[in-house]
Amino acid sequence: MMNALALAAQTNIELINDTKIAYRQFGTAEPLLLVNRFRGVMDTWNPLFLDALAADYQVILFDYSLLLLKNLLSVV
């Protein structure tokens, strides 16, 4: 039976170049950075899929929607 790591993972916030980036990381071993589709968020990933990956990798998810929004608004 797999551990429910994805659903229990804490959301962290980092300030990078005056922009807040939300991310989660869980699992062990080699890091695996998952990049979501445009306008996607961390919560759209299937938790069972993420838990399967976390059995062999340290899964890292992030939301870059605030970063994209900030960049789009700065162009207007």
Foldseek 3Di string as FASTA:
>chain_A
DFDQDLVPWDWDWDQDPNFIKIKTKAADDAEDEDDDDVVDASVVDDSVVVRVVSPHHTYMYIDCNRVVVVVVVVVD
